[in-house]
């Protein structure tokens, strides 16, 4: 009798969290050697800022790049309100649920134009990622390594103005040598944001 080679429940592997993105990154970003991939990932860190900028709630973004490491700061806070569907803060949904940031856009046109793959995919493909958000008198710091949250992120009171700081380091275990940013590709992408949102000041170096 021929061996049964059918596909059944024993063949199904359930992947937790963002493990699916790390296991099959080409499904989300395409060819990993494409020089546009690092820039596409960086642009996902701007999607919430761009959404807020439509209403004038975000006016300034600063981007600093050092090799595979990026620091971004902008003057709007990722929301710390609870998300009814997932039970976590909205900021955490952005960072851990694929398309979570796209689906929570106030302005869907921004999601369609600037949020191609989402913050969670960026998170999954980083060796490390840290987000500090100050939102309406409250603050939280989220830390991740390879898409996994590290430690708790208590929400505490803050007297600072709303802002978000995002620091990340692209993961060469996934992207190989393609963790550096092609400046011509980056400039084109930033120019696209400036055209869409001319009131948003973007500083980059």
N, C-alpha and C. Protein backbone atom coordinates (compact mmCIF):
# COMPACT_ATOMS: atom_id res chain seq x y z
N UNK A 1 0.85 -1.20 0.00
CA UNK A 1 0.00 0.00 0.00
C UNK A 1 0.89 1.25 0.00
N UNK A 2 0.51 2.24 -0.81
CA UNK A 2 1.28 3.47 -0.88
C UNK A 2 1.20 4.23 0.43
N UNK A 3 2.31 4.87 0.79
CA UNK A 3 2.33 5.65 2.02
C UNK A 3 1.41 6.86 1.89
N UNK A 4 0.67 7.13 2.96
CA UNK A 4 -0.24 8.29 2.97
C UNK A 4 0.57 9.57 3.13
N UNK A 5 0.58 10.38 2.09
CA UNK A 5 1.34 11.63 2.14
C UNK A 5 0.40 12.82 2.22
N UNK A 6 -0.84 12.59 2.65
CA UNK A 6 -1.81 13.67 2.74
C UNK A 6 -1.41 14.72 3.77
N UNK A 7 -2.00 15.88 3.64
CA UNK A 7 -1.72 17.01 4.54
C UNK A 7 -2.81 17.06 5.59
N UNK A 8 -2.45 16.93 6.86
CA UNK A 8 -3.46 16.93 7.92
C UNK A 8 -2.99 17.84 9.04
N UNK A 9 -3.72 17.80 10.16
CA UNK A 9 -3.46 18.73 11.26
C UNK A 9 -2.05 18.61 11.81
N UNK A 10 -1.45 17.43 11.67
CA UNK A 10 -0.10 17.24 12.19
C UNK A 10 0.93 18.07 11.42
N UNK A 11 0.58 18.44 10.19
CA UNK A 11 1.49 19.22 9.36
C UNK A 11 1.38 20.72 9.58
N UNK A 12 0.40 21.12 10.37
CA UNK A 12 0.16 22.55 10.55
C UNK A 12 0.95 23.06 11.74
N UNK A 13 1.77 24.06 11.49
CA UNK A 13 2.54 24.68 12.56
C UNK A 13 1.96 26.07 12.83
N UNK A 14 1.54 26.31 14.05
CA UNK A 14 0.98 27.60 14.42
C UNK A 14 2.11 28.49 14.90
N UNK A 15 2.28 29.63 14.24
CA UNK A 15 3.35 30.55 14.59
C UNK A 15 2.80 31.66 15.47
N UNK A 16 3.53 31.98 16.54
CA UNK A 16 3.09 32.99 17.49
C UNK A 16 3.51 34.38 17.03
N UNK A 17 2.68 35.35 17.35
CA UNK A 17 3.04 36.75 17.18
C UNK A 17 3.59 37.07 15.81
N UNK A 18 4.78 37.66 15.80
CA UNK A 18 5.40 38.09 14.56
C UNK A 18 6.38 37.06 14.01
N UNK A 19 6.34 35.85 14.58
CA UNK A 19 7.26 34.81 14.12
C UNK A 19 7.04 34.49 12.64
N UNK A 20 5.79 34.59 12.18
CA UNK A 20 5.51 34.30 10.77
C UNK A 20 6.25 35.26 9.85
N UNK A 21 6.36 36.52 10.26
CA UNK A 21 7.07 37.51 9.45
C UNK A 21 8.56 37.19 9.41
N UNK A 22 9.12 36.84 10.55
CA UNK A 22 10.55 36.51 10.59
C UNK A 22 10.84 35.21 9.85
N UNK A 23 9.92 34.27 9.89
CA UNK A 23 10.14 32.98 9.23
C UNK A 23 10.03 33.11 7.71
N UNK A 24 9.12 33.97 7.25
CA UNK A 24 8.90 34.11 5.80
C UNK A 24 8.89 35.59 5.40
N UNK A 25 10.00 36.27 5.60
CA UNK A 25 10.02 37.73 5.37
C UNK A 25 9.73 38.14 3.94
N UNK A 26 10.08 37.28 2.97
CA UNK A 26 9.85 37.67 1.58
C UNK A 26 8.37 37.82 1.26
N UNK A 27 7.51 37.18 2.02
CA UNK A 27 6.07 37.34 1.82
C UNK A 27 5.63 38.76 2.13
N UNK A 28 6.40 39.48 2.93
CA UNK A 28 5.99 40.80 3.39
C UNK A 28 6.79 41.93 2.75
N UNK A 29 8.07 41.67 2.44
CA UNK A 29 8.91 42.75 1.90
C UNK A 29 9.51 42.42 0.54
N UNK A 30 9.28 41.21 0.03
CA UNK A 30 9.83 40.85 -1.26
C UNK A 30 11.29 40.42 -1.17
N UNK A 31 12.01 40.62 -2.26
CA UNK A 31 13.41 40.22 -2.37
C UNK A 31 14.23 40.90 -1.29
N UNK A 32 14.85 40.13 -0.41
CA UNK A 32 15.58 40.69 0.72
C UNK A 32 16.85 41.43 0.31
N UNK A 33 17.29 41.25 -0.92
CA UNK A 33 18.48 41.96 -1.39
C UNK A 33 18.14 43.27 -2.09
N UNK A 34 16.87 43.56 -2.25
CA UNK A 34 16.43 44.79 -2.91
C UNK A 34 16.82 46.00 -2.06
N UNK A 35 17.55 46.98 -2.60
CA UNK A 35 17.96 48.14 -1.79
C UNK A 35 16.80 48.99 -1.30
N UNK A 36 15.60 48.77 -1.84
CA UNK A 36 14.44 49.53 -1.37
C UNK A 36 13.89 48.98 -0.05
N UNK A 37 14.26 47.74 0.32
CA UNK A 37 13.67 47.12 1.51
C UNK A 37 13.98 47.89 2.79
N UNK A 38 15.23 48.26 3.10
CA UNK A 38 15.46 49.01 4.34
C UNK A 38 14.67 50.31 4.38
N UNK A 39 14.57 51.01 3.24
CA UNK A 39 13.82 52.27 3.22
C UNK A 39 12.33 52.02 3.42
N UNK A 40 11.80 50.98 2.80
CA UNK A 40 10.38 50.64 3.01
C UNK A 40 10.11 50.39 4.48
N UNK A 41 11.02 49.70 5.14
CA UNK A 41 10.84 49.43 6.56
C UNK A 41 10.90 50.71 7.37
N UNK A 42 11.85 51.57 7.09
CA UNK A 42 11.94 52.84 7.80
C UNK A 42 10.65 53.65 7.63
N UNK A 43 10.09 53.65 6.43
CA UNK A 43 8.90 54.46 6.18
C UNK A 43 7.71 54.02 7.03
N UNK A 44 7.70 52.75 7.46
CA UNK A 44 6.60 52.28 8.29
C UNK A 44 6.61 52.97 9.65
N UNK A 45 7.81 53.41 10.09
CA UNK A 45 7.91 54.11 11.37
C UNK A 45 7.34 55.52 11.30
N UNK A 46 7.02 55.99 10.09
CA UNK A 46 6.47 57.33 9.93
C UNK A 46 4.96 57.34 9.73
N UNK A 47 4.34 56.16 9.65
CA UNK A 47 2.93 56.13 9.24
C UNK A 47 2.02 56.80 10.26
N UNK A 48 2.26 56.62 11.56
CA UNK A 48 1.42 57.26 12.56
C UNK A 48 1.64 58.77 12.57
N UNK A 49 2.89 59.20 12.42
CA UNK A 49 3.18 60.63 12.35
C UNK A 49 2.46 61.26 11.17
N UNK A 50 2.48 60.58 10.02
CA UNK A 50 1.82 61.12 8.83
C UNK A 50 0.31 61.20 9.04
N UNK A 51 -0.26 60.20 9.68
CA UNK A 51 -1.70 60.21 9.95
C UNK A 51 -2.07 61.40 10.82
N UNK A 52 -1.26 61.67 11.85
CA UNK A 52 -1.51 62.81 12.73
C UNK A 52 -1.28 64.13 12.01
N UNK A 53 -0.34 64.15 11.07
CA UNK A 53 -0.01 65.39 10.37
C UNK A 53 -1.16 65.88 9.50
N UNK A 54 -2.00 64.98 9.03
CA UNK A 54 -3.15 65.38 8.21
C UNK A 54 -4.02 66.37 8.98
N UNK A 55 -4.17 66.16 10.30
CA UNK A 55 -4.98 67.04 11.14
C UNK A 55 -4.17 68.16 11.78
N UNK A 56 -2.89 68.23 11.47
CA UNK A 56 -2.03 69.23 12.10
C UNK A 56 -1.58 68.86 13.49
N UNK A 57 -1.84 67.61 13.92
CA UNK A 57 -1.45 67.17 15.26
C UNK A 57 0.02 66.79 15.33
N UNK A 58 0.64 66.59 14.19
CA UNK A 58 2.08 66.34 14.12
C UNK A 58 2.66 67.33 13.12
N UNK A 59 3.67 68.07 13.55
CA UNK A 59 4.23 69.12 12.70
C UNK A 59 5.70 68.90 12.36
N UNK A 60 6.37 68.00 13.11
CA UNK A 60 7.82 67.86 12.95
C UNK A 60 8.25 66.42 13.14
N UNK A 61 9.10 65.94 12.24
CA UNK A 61 9.71 64.62 12.36
C UNK A 61 11.21 64.77 12.20
N UNK A 62 11.96 64.18 13.11
CA UNK A 62 13.42 64.16 13.01
C UNK A 62 13.89 62.72 12.84
N UNK A 63 14.74 62.50 11.84
CA UNK A 63 15.25 61.16 11.54
C UNK A 63 16.77 61.20 11.58
N UNK A 64 17.36 60.30 12.35
CA UNK A 64 18.82 60.20 12.42
C UNK A 64 19.20 58.76 12.10
N UNK A 65 20.13 58.62 11.15
CA UNK A 65 20.53 57.29 10.68
C UNK A 65 22.02 57.09 10.92
N UNK A 66 22.37 55.95 11.51
CA UNK A 66 23.76 55.58 11.73
C UNK A 66 23.92 54.11 11.35
N UNK A 67 24.31 53.86 10.13
CA UNK A 67 24.41 52.49 9.65
C UNK A 67 23.03 51.84 9.58
N UNK A 68 22.87 50.74 10.31
CA UNK A 68 21.59 50.03 10.33
C UNK A 68 20.68 50.52 11.45
N UNK A 69 21.15 51.54 12.19
CA UNK A 69 20.39 52.05 13.33
C UNK A 69 19.69 53.35 12.97
N UNK A 70 18.44 53.48 13.41
CA UNK A 70 17.64 54.67 13.10
C UNK A 70 16.97 55.17 14.38
N UNK A 71 17.03 56.49 14.57
CA UNK A 71 16.27 57.15 15.64
C UNK A 71 15.29 58.12 14.98
N UNK A 72 14.03 58.03 15.38
CA UNK A 72 12.98 58.90 14.85
C UNK A 72 12.24 59.51 16.02
N UNK A 73 11.98 60.80 15.94
CA UNK A 73 11.16 61.45 16.95
C UNK A 73 10.18 62.40 16.27
N UNK A 74 8.94 62.42 16.76
CA UNK A 74 7.95 63.35 16.23
C UNK A 74 7.03 63.81 17.34
N UNK A 75 6.37 64.95 17.09
CA UNK A 75 5.62 65.62 18.15
C UNK A 75 4.15 65.22 18.20
N UNK A 76 3.91 63.93 18.23
CA UNK A 76 2.58 63.36 18.47
C UNK A 76 2.78 62.03 19.18
N UNK A 77 1.90 61.71 20.11
CA UNK A 77 2.06 60.48 20.87
C UNK A 77 1.25 59.33 20.30
N UNK A 78 1.86 58.15 20.25
CA UNK A 78 1.07 56.95 19.91
C UNK A 78 0.05 56.74 21.01
N UNK A 79 -1.21 56.48 20.65
CA UNK A 79 -2.26 56.39 21.66
C UNK A 79 -2.04 55.26 22.67
N UNK A 80 -2.34 55.58 23.91
CA UNK A 80 -2.27 54.59 24.99
C UNK A 80 -3.66 54.14 25.44
N UNK A 81 -4.68 54.53 24.70
CA UNK A 81 -6.03 54.07 25.01
C UNK A 81 -6.10 52.56 24.79
N UNK A 82 -6.98 51.88 25.54
CA UNK A 82 -7.15 50.45 25.31
C UNK A 82 -7.84 50.17 23.98
N UNK A 83 -7.42 49.11 23.32
CA UNK A 83 -8.06 48.67 22.09
C UNK A 83 -9.03 47.55 22.44
N UNK A 84 -10.30 47.76 22.19
CA UNK A 84 -11.33 46.82 22.63
C UNK A 84 -11.15 45.44 22.01
N UNK A 85 -10.72 45.39 20.77
CA UNK A 85 -10.63 44.10 20.07
C UNK A 85 -9.49 43.23 20.59
N UNK A 86 -8.39 43.85 21.04
CA UNK A 86 -7.22 43.08 21.43
C UNK A 86 -6.89 43.17 22.92
N UNK A 87 -7.47 44.13 23.61
CA UNK A 87 -7.22 44.25 25.05
C UNK A 87 -5.92 44.92 25.41
N UNK A 88 -5.16 45.37 24.43
CA UNK A 88 -3.91 46.07 24.68
C UNK A 88 -4.06 47.55 24.32
N UNK A 89 -3.05 48.34 24.70
CA UNK A 89 -3.05 49.73 24.28
C UNK A 89 -2.93 49.80 22.75
N UNK A 90 -3.49 50.86 22.19
CA UNK A 90 -3.43 51.03 20.74
C UNK A 90 -1.98 51.00 20.25
N UNK A 91 -1.07 51.65 20.99
CA UNK A 91 0.34 51.65 20.59
C UNK A 91 0.88 50.24 20.45
N UNK A 92 0.51 49.37 21.37
CA UNK A 92 1.00 48.00 21.32
C UNK A 92 0.37 47.23 20.16
N UNK A 93 -0.87 47.53 19.84
CA UNK A 93 -1.50 46.93 18.66
C UNK A 93 -0.73 47.33 17.40
N UNK A 94 -0.36 48.61 17.31
CA UNK A 94 0.44 49.07 16.17
C UNK A 94 1.70 48.22 16.01
N UNK A 95 2.33 47.90 17.14
CA UNK A 95 3.66 47.29 17.12
C UNK A 95 3.66 45.78 17.02
N UNK A 96 2.55 45.14 17.35
CA UNK A 96 2.52 43.68 17.42
C UNK A 96 1.52 43.00 16.49
N UNK A 97 0.55 43.74 15.98
CA UNK A 97 -0.48 43.12 15.13
C UNK A 97 -0.24 43.55 13.69
N UNK A 98 -0.04 42.59 12.81
CA UNK A 98 0.18 42.93 11.41
C UNK A 98 -1.01 43.71 10.87
N UNK A 99 -0.72 44.83 10.22
CA UNK A 99 -1.71 45.77 9.68
C UNK A 99 -2.50 46.48 10.77
N UNK A 100 -2.06 46.34 12.03
CA UNK A 100 -2.77 47.01 13.13
C UNK A 100 -2.75 48.51 12.99
N UNK A 101 -1.60 49.07 12.56
CA UNK A 101 -1.53 50.52 12.41
C UNK A 101 -2.32 50.97 11.19
N UNK A 102 -2.29 50.19 10.13
CA UNK A 102 -3.04 50.54 8.92
C UNK A 102 -4.53 50.59 9.22
N UNK A 103 -5.01 49.62 9.95
CA UNK A 103 -6.45 49.53 10.22
C UNK A 103 -6.95 50.57 11.21
N UNK A 104 -6.04 51.17 11.99
CA UNK A 104 -6.45 52.17 12.97
C UNK A 104 -6.23 53.59 12.47
N UNK A 105 -5.94 53.78 11.19
CA UNK A 105 -5.72 55.12 10.66
C UNK A 105 -6.99 55.95 10.75
N UNK A 106 -6.83 57.21 11.15
CA UNK A 106 -7.95 58.16 11.08
C UNK A 106 -8.22 58.53 9.63
N UNK A 107 -7.17 58.50 8.84
CA UNK A 107 -7.28 58.89 7.43
C UNK A 107 -6.80 57.71 6.59
N UNK A 108 -7.72 56.96 6.02
CA UNK A 108 -7.36 55.74 5.33
C UNK A 108 -6.46 56.00 4.13
N UNK A 109 -6.57 57.20 3.55
CA UNK A 109 -5.71 57.51 2.41
C UNK A 109 -4.24 57.48 2.82
N UNK A 110 -3.96 57.88 4.07
CA UNK A 110 -2.58 57.81 4.56
C UNK A 110 -2.14 56.37 4.67
N UNK A 111 -3.02 55.53 5.17
CA UNK A 111 -2.69 54.11 5.26
C UNK A 111 -2.40 53.51 3.90
N UNK A 112 -3.19 53.87 2.91
CA UNK A 112 -2.99 53.33 1.57
C UNK A 112 -1.70 53.85 0.94
N UNK A 113 -1.37 55.13 1.19
CA UNK A 113 -0.21 55.74 0.56
C UNK A 113 1.10 55.42 1.26
N UNK A 114 1.09 55.43 2.60
CA UNK A 114 2.35 55.42 3.34
C UNK A 114 2.54 54.20 4.24
N UNK A 115 1.51 53.47 4.52
CA UNK A 115 1.62 52.34 5.46
C UNK A 115 1.45 51.04 4.69
N UNK A 116 2.45 50.69 3.89
CA UNK A 116 2.34 49.53 3.01
C UNK A 116 2.29 48.22 3.78
N UNK A 117 3.21 48.05 4.73
CA UNK A 117 3.33 46.77 5.41
C UNK A 117 3.18 46.89 6.92
N UNK A 118 3.29 48.10 7.47
CA UNK A 118 2.96 48.33 8.87
C UNK A 118 4.13 48.27 9.83
N UNK A 119 3.89 48.91 10.99
CA UNK A 119 4.89 48.96 12.05
C UNK A 119 5.26 47.58 12.58
N UNK A 120 4.30 46.68 12.64
CA UNK A 120 4.58 45.35 13.19
C UNK A 120 5.59 44.59 12.33
N UNK A 121 5.53 44.77 11.01
CA UNK A 121 6.50 44.11 10.14
C UNK A 121 7.88 44.70 10.35
N UNK A 122 7.96 46.03 10.47
CA UNK A 122 9.23 46.65 10.84
C UNK A 122 9.76 46.04 12.14
N UNK A 123 8.92 45.96 13.14
CA UNK A 123 9.32 45.41 14.43
C UNK A 123 9.87 44.00 14.28
N UNK A 124 9.19 43.18 13.50
CA UNK A 124 9.59 41.79 13.34
C UNK A 124 10.97 41.66 12.70
N UNK A 125 11.33 42.60 11.83
CA UNK A 125 12.59 42.50 11.08
C UNK A 125 13.70 43.34 11.67
N UNK A 126 13.53 43.73 12.93
CA UNK A 126 14.57 44.46 13.66
C UNK A 126 15.22 43.56 14.70
N UNK A 127 16.54 43.72 14.86
CA UNK A 127 17.21 43.04 15.97
C UNK A 127 16.72 43.61 17.29
N UNK A 128 16.47 44.92 17.30
CA UNK A 128 15.92 45.57 18.50
C UNK A 128 15.09 46.76 18.06
N UNK A 129 14.08 47.06 18.85
CA UNK A 129 13.23 48.22 18.61
C UNK A 129 12.73 48.74 19.95
N UNK A 130 12.77 50.06 20.10
CA UNK A 130 12.30 50.70 21.32
C UNK A 130 11.38 51.85 20.95
N UNK A 131 10.24 51.92 21.61
CA UNK A 131 9.30 53.01 21.38
C UNK A 131 8.94 53.64 22.72
N UNK A 132 9.11 54.95 22.79
CA UNK A 132 8.63 55.71 23.94
C UNK A 132 7.53 56.64 23.45
N UNK A 133 6.37 56.57 24.07
CA UNK A 133 5.26 57.42 23.68
C UNK A 133 4.74 58.19 24.89
N UNK A 134 4.49 59.47 24.67
CA UNK A 134 3.85 60.32 25.68
C UNK A 134 2.56 60.82 25.04
N UNK A 135 1.45 60.52 25.69
CA UNK A 135 0.15 60.75 25.08
C UNK A 135 -0.85 61.22 26.13
N UNK A 136 -1.23 62.48 26.02
CA UNK A 136 -2.28 63.06 26.86
C UNK A 136 -2.03 62.84 28.35
N UNK A 137 -0.80 63.11 28.78
CA UNK A 137 -0.48 63.04 30.20
C UNK A 137 -0.03 61.68 30.70
N UNK A 138 0.13 60.73 29.78
CA UNK A 138 0.57 59.38 30.15
C UNK A 138 1.75 58.98 29.27
N UNK A 139 2.57 58.07 29.77
CA UNK A 139 3.77 57.66 29.03
C UNK A 139 4.00 56.16 29.20
N UNK A 140 4.61 55.58 28.19
CA UNK A 140 5.00 54.17 28.24
C UNK A 140 6.22 53.97 27.36
N UNK A 141 7.04 52.98 27.72
CA UNK A 141 8.20 52.60 26.92
C UNK A 141 8.08 51.12 26.60
N UNK A 142 8.12 50.81 25.31
CA UNK A 142 8.03 49.43 24.84
C UNK A 142 9.38 49.02 24.25
N UNK A 143 9.84 47.82 24.62
CA UNK A 143 11.10 47.31 24.10
C UNK A 143 10.87 45.94 23.47
N UNK A 144 11.55 45.72 22.35
CA UNK A 144 11.40 44.46 21.61
C UNK A 144 12.76 44.00 21.13
N UNK A 145 12.90 42.70 21.04
CA UNK A 145 14.04 42.08 20.38
C UNK A 145 13.51 41.04 19.42
N UNK A 146 13.82 41.21 18.14
CA UNK A 146 13.39 40.28 17.10
C UNK A 146 11.89 40.04 17.14
N UNK A 147 11.15 41.13 17.38
CA UNK A 147 9.69 41.07 17.36
C UNK A 147 9.04 40.62 18.64
N UNK A 148 9.83 40.24 19.63
CA UNK A 148 9.30 39.79 20.91
C UNK A 148 9.41 40.90 21.94
N UNK A 149 8.31 41.16 22.66
CA UNK A 149 8.36 42.21 23.67
C UNK A 149 9.23 41.77 24.85
N UNK A 150 10.06 42.70 25.32
CA UNK A 150 10.97 42.43 26.43
C UNK A 150 10.47 43.20 27.65
N UNK A 151 10.09 42.48 28.68
CA UNK A 151 9.65 43.11 29.92
C UNK A 151 8.29 43.76 29.81
N UNK A 152 7.87 44.33 30.93
CA UNK A 152 6.58 45.01 30.99
C UNK A 152 6.74 46.46 30.53
N UNK A 153 5.61 47.08 30.24
CA UNK A 153 5.60 48.48 29.82
C UNK A 153 4.54 49.22 30.62
N UNK A 154 4.82 49.53 31.88
CA UNK A 154 3.82 50.21 32.70
C UNK A 154 3.50 51.60 32.14
N UNK A 155 2.25 51.97 32.27
CA UNK A 155 1.83 53.30 31.84
C UNK A 155 1.89 54.22 33.06
N UNK A 156 2.64 55.30 32.94
CA UNK A 156 2.85 56.20 34.07
C UNK A 156 2.45 57.62 33.67
N UNK A 157 2.17 58.43 34.67
CA UNK A 157 1.81 59.82 34.39
C UNK A 157 3.04 60.58 33.90
N UNK A 158 2.79 61.58 33.05
CA UNK A 158 3.87 62.40 32.52
C UNK A 158 3.38 63.83 32.32
N UNK A 159 4.25 64.77 32.60
CA UNK A 159 3.92 66.18 32.38
C UNK A 159 4.49 66.70 31.07
N UNK A 160 5.17 65.83 30.32
CA UNK A 160 5.77 66.24 29.06
C UNK A 160 4.71 66.36 27.96
N UNK A 161 5.08 67.11 26.93
CA UNK A 161 4.19 67.23 25.77
C UNK A 161 4.16 65.92 25.00
N UNK A 162 3.08 65.73 24.26
CA UNK A 162 2.94 64.52 23.46
C UNK A 162 4.11 64.38 22.48
N UNK A 163 4.64 63.18 22.40
CA UNK A 163 5.68 62.88 21.42
C UNK A 163 5.86 61.37 21.34
N UNK A 164 6.52 60.95 20.27
CA UNK A 164 6.89 59.55 20.11
C UNK A 164 8.34 59.47 19.68
N UNK A 165 9.09 58.58 20.31
CA UNK A 165 10.47 58.29 19.91
C UNK A 165 10.56 56.82 19.52
N UNK A 166 11.09 56.56 18.35
CA UNK A 166 11.26 55.19 17.85
C UNK A 166 12.72 54.98 17.52
N UNK A 167 13.35 53.98 18.12
CA UNK A 167 14.72 53.61 17.80
C UNK A 167 14.73 52.15 17.38
N UNK A 168 15.38 51.88 16.25
CA UNK A 168 15.42 50.48 15.82
C UNK A 168 16.72 50.18 15.09
N UNK A 169 17.05 48.89 15.10
CA UNK A 169 18.25 48.40 14.43
C UNK A 169 17.83 47.23 13.56
N UNK A 170 17.98 47.37 12.25
CA UNK A 170 17.57 46.30 11.34
C UNK A 170 18.39 45.04 11.59
N UNK A 171 17.76 43.90 11.41
CA UNK A 171 18.34 42.62 11.79
C UNK A 171 19.09 42.00 10.61
N UNK A 172 20.43 41.92 10.72
CA UNK A 172 21.19 41.32 9.62
C UNK A 172 21.04 39.80 9.58
N UNK A 173 20.47 39.19 10.62
CA UNK A 173 20.18 37.76 10.54
C UNK A 173 19.08 37.49 9.52
N UNK A 174 18.22 38.48 9.29
CA UNK A 174 17.15 38.35 8.31
C UNK A 174 17.56 38.98 6.97
N UNK A 175 18.09 40.19 7.03
CA UNK A 175 18.35 40.96 5.81
C UNK A 175 19.76 40.81 5.28
N UNK A 176 20.62 40.09 5.99
CA UNK A 176 22.00 39.93 5.55
C UNK A 176 22.71 41.27 5.53
N UNK A 177 23.42 41.53 4.44
CA UNK A 177 24.16 42.79 4.32
C UNK A 177 23.25 43.96 3.96
N UNK A 178 22.00 43.67 3.61
CA UNK A 178 21.09 44.72 3.14
C UNK A 178 20.38 45.41 4.31
N UNK A 179 21.17 45.98 5.21
CA UNK A 179 20.61 46.69 6.37
C UNK A 179 20.97 48.17 6.33
N UNK A 180 21.62 48.60 5.26
CA UNK A 180 22.01 50.00 5.13
C UNK A 180 21.04 50.70 4.18
N UNK A 181 20.97 52.00 4.31
CA UNK A 181 19.95 52.77 3.61
C UNK A 181 20.55 53.46 2.38
N UNK A 182 20.00 53.12 1.23
CA UNK A 182 20.39 53.78 -0.01
C UNK A 182 19.85 55.20 0.01
N UNK A 183 20.75 56.19 0.01
CA UNK A 183 20.31 57.57 0.20
C UNK A 183 19.41 58.06 -0.92
N UNK A 184 19.66 57.64 -2.15
CA UNK A 184 18.80 58.08 -3.26
C UNK A 184 17.39 57.54 -3.09
N UNK A 185 17.28 56.27 -2.70
CA UNK A 185 15.96 55.67 -2.48
C UNK A 185 15.27 56.37 -1.31
N UNK A 186 16.02 56.63 -0.24
CA UNK A 186 15.45 57.29 0.92
C UNK A 186 14.96 58.69 0.58
N UNK A 187 15.78 59.44 -0.16
CA UNK A 187 15.38 60.81 -0.51
C UNK A 187 14.10 60.81 -1.34
N UNK A 188 13.96 59.86 -2.25
CA UNK A 188 12.73 59.78 -3.05
C UNK A 188 11.51 59.51 -2.16
N UNK A 189 11.69 58.62 -1.20
CA UNK A 189 10.57 58.27 -0.32
C UNK A 189 10.19 59.45 0.58
N UNK A 190 11.18 60.15 1.11
CA UNK A 190 10.90 61.30 1.96
C UNK A 190 10.25 62.42 1.13
N UNK A 191 10.72 62.61 -0.09
CA UNK A 191 10.11 63.63 -0.96
C UNK A 191 8.64 63.32 -1.22
N UNK A 192 8.32 62.04 -1.32
CA UNK A 192 6.91 61.64 -1.52
C UNK A 192 6.06 62.06 -0.33
N UNK A 193 6.58 61.86 0.89
CA UNK A 193 5.85 62.29 2.09
C UNK A 193 5.70 63.81 2.10
N UNK A 194 6.77 64.51 1.75
CA UNK A 194 6.70 65.98 1.74
C UNK A 194 5.67 66.49 0.73
N UNK A 195 5.54 65.82 -0.40
CA UNK A 195 4.55 66.22 -1.39
C UNK A 195 3.14 66.00 -0.87
N UNK A 196 2.95 64.87 -0.18
CA UNK A 196 1.62 64.56 0.36
C UNK A 196 1.27 65.44 1.55
N UNK A 197 2.30 65.79 2.34
CA UNK A 197 2.08 66.53 3.59
C UNK A 197 3.03 67.72 3.65
N UNK A 198 2.80 68.74 2.84
CA UNK A 198 3.75 69.85 2.74
C UNK A 198 3.93 70.64 4.04
N UNK A 199 2.97 70.55 4.98
CA UNK A 199 3.09 71.27 6.24
C UNK A 199 3.95 70.53 7.26
N UNK A 200 4.28 69.28 6.98
CA UNK A 200 5.06 68.47 7.92
C UNK A 200 6.55 68.70 7.68
N UNK A 201 7.24 69.19 8.69
CA UNK A 201 8.69 69.40 8.60
C UNK A 201 9.41 68.09 8.88
N UNK A 202 10.25 67.68 7.95
CA UNK A 202 11.02 66.44 8.10
C UNK A 202 12.49 66.78 8.02
N UNK A 203 13.21 66.52 9.11
CA UNK A 203 14.66 66.72 9.15
C UNK A 203 15.32 65.35 9.16
N UNK A 204 16.33 65.18 8.31
CA UNK A 204 16.98 63.87 8.21
C UNK A 204 18.48 64.04 8.03
N UNK A 205 19.23 63.24 8.79
CA UNK A 205 20.67 63.21 8.56
C UNK A 205 21.25 61.90 9.10
